[in-house]
Structures are given as structure tokens and as C-alpha cells.
Amino acid sequence: MDVELAILAHVLSDRSRPLRDSDHADVNMLMFAIPYCDLVITDAFMANVVHQTKLDKKYGTLVLSSKPEDLRKAIHWLDMGHGLAA
């Protein structure tokens, strides 16, 4: 629940960006994915929110945006064998 609350608090306090219909779905996905996944790819805004709230560090999750440069990082990370079950 701390993931949900941290992201929602950050999104709702950001006056420079209006709340979007998709934010609710993004928060629901991230609140389950971040604590349990090694790699999460989301939109640039939500990736930035996760980094600013340091949830990626807290849970040891690599959180990247869907921008091409981040997708290349994700492919490299997977090619290096990260995220493979032992």
C-alpha cells in the first residue's frame, strides 16, 4: 500500500500536470509490480514519479520508461541475465 500512497501523493501534489484518466490504472499496475518485479516499464511520467519517490530503490526494482533509450537499457539488462529465476 505504501507504493500506491507514495505515487498518488506525488501525482496529486503535482500542480503542473492535470490528473489523467490513465493515472488510476498506472498506479494500480505499479503498486503490484514494483514490490514483486525486477523490471518495470511504464510511461515517462510515472517512471519519473517512481524515481522521485525512491520506490525503485526501496524495492530494488529497475523502473524504466517506454522511451527508446530506456527500452535499449531494458534489453541490455535482460541480455546480461538479470531477472532470470535461479
Protein backbone atom coordinates (compact mmCIF):
# COMPACT_ATOMS: atom_id res chain seq x y z
CA MET A 1 0.00 0.00 0.00
CA ASP A 2 2.95 2.34 0.53
CA VAL A 3 3.64 2.26 -3.22
CA GLU A 4 0.09 3.32 -4.00
CA LEU A 5 0.07 6.10 -1.41
CA ALA A 6 3.50 7.46 -2.35
CA ILE A 7 2.67 7.61 -6.05
CA LEU A 8 -0.80 9.07 -5.51
CA ALA A 9 0.52 11.71 -3.12
CA HIS A 10 3.15 12.74 -5.64
CA VAL A 11 0.77 12.78 -8.61
CA LEU A 12 -1.93 14.71 -6.75
CA SER A 13 0.56 17.28 -5.44
CA ASP A 14 1.98 17.99 -8.91
CA ARG A 15 0.09 21.14 -9.88
CA SER A 16 1.95 21.46 -13.19
CA ARG A 17 0.23 18.40 -14.65
CA PRO A 18 -3.50 17.71 -14.62
CA LEU A 19 -4.70 14.35 -13.37
CA ARG A 20 -5.33 11.99 -16.28
CA ASP A 21 -7.82 9.16 -16.63
CA SER A 22 -4.96 6.70 -17.15
CA ASP A 23 -3.23 7.65 -13.87
CA HIS A 24 -5.51 5.39 -11.84
CA ALA A 25 -4.66 2.37 -14.00
CA ASP A 26 -0.95 3.23 -13.88
CA VAL A 27 -0.98 3.46 -10.08
CA ASN A 28 -2.86 0.15 -9.79
CA MET A 29 -0.32 -1.60 -12.00
CA LEU A 30 2.71 -0.06 -10.30
CA MET A 31 1.51 -0.82 -6.76
CA PHE A 32 1.57 -4.53 -7.57
CA ALA A 33 4.51 -4.61 -9.97
CA ILE A 34 7.17 -2.63 -8.10
CA PRO A 35 7.33 -4.79 -4.95
CA TYR A 36 7.40 -8.08 -6.90
CA CYS A 37 9.12 -7.46 -10.26
CA ASP A 38 12.77 -6.95 -11.03
CA LEU A 39 11.99 -4.76 -14.06
CA VAL A 40 9.02 -2.48 -14.67
CA ILE A 41 8.46 -0.42 -17.82
CA THR A 42 5.91 2.38 -17.64
CA ASP A 43 5.31 5.79 -19.18
CA ALA A 44 7.89 8.52 -18.69
CA PHE A 45 5.84 10.49 -16.18
CA MET A 46 5.21 7.52 -13.89
CA ALA A 47 8.82 6.33 -14.17
CA ASN A 48 9.89 9.79 -13.04
CA VAL A 49 7.42 9.70 -10.13
CA VAL A 50 8.79 6.32 -9.02
CA HIS A 51 12.36 7.63 -9.16
CA GLN A 52 11.48 10.80 -7.26
CA THR A 53 9.73 8.81 -4.53
CA LYS A 54 12.68 6.36 -4.47
CA LEU A 55 10.33 3.38 -4.62
CA ASP A 56 12.63 1.76 -7.17
CA LYS A 57 15.49 1.87 -4.65
CA LYS A 58 13.32 0.72 -1.75
CA TYR A 59 12.22 -2.43 -3.61
CA GLY A 60 15.32 -2.98 -5.75
CA THR A 61 13.28 -2.70 -8.94
CA LEU A 62 14.64 -1.33 -12.19
CA VAL A 63 11.95 1.11 -13.35
CA LEU A 64 12.30 2.46 -16.87
CA SER A 65 10.16 4.47 -19.22
CA SER A 66 8.91 3.29 -22.57
CA LYS A 67 11.20 5.75 -24.35
CA PRO A 68 13.53 4.09 -26.90
CA GLU A 69 16.70 4.74 -24.86
CA ASP A 70 15.14 3.11 -21.79
CA LEU A 71 13.91 0.15 -23.83
CA ARG A 72 17.50 -0.34 -25.00
CA LYS A 73 18.58 -0.32 -21.33
CA ALA A 74 15.93 -2.94 -20.56
CA ILE A 75 17.09 -5.17 -23.41
CA HIS A 76 20.70 -4.86 -22.25
CA TRP A 77 19.68 -5.62 -18.66
CA LEU A 78 17.83 -8.76 -19.83
CA ASP A 79 20.70 -9.78 -22.12
CA MET A 80 23.01 -9.65 -19.09
CA GLY A 81 20.87 -12.34 -17.47
CA HIS A 82 19.16 -10.19 -14.88
CA GLY A 83 15.67 -11.19 -13.86
CA LEU A 84 16.21 -14.88 -14.56
CA ALA A 85 14.92 -17.27 -11.94
CA ALA A 86 17.63 -19.33 -10.28
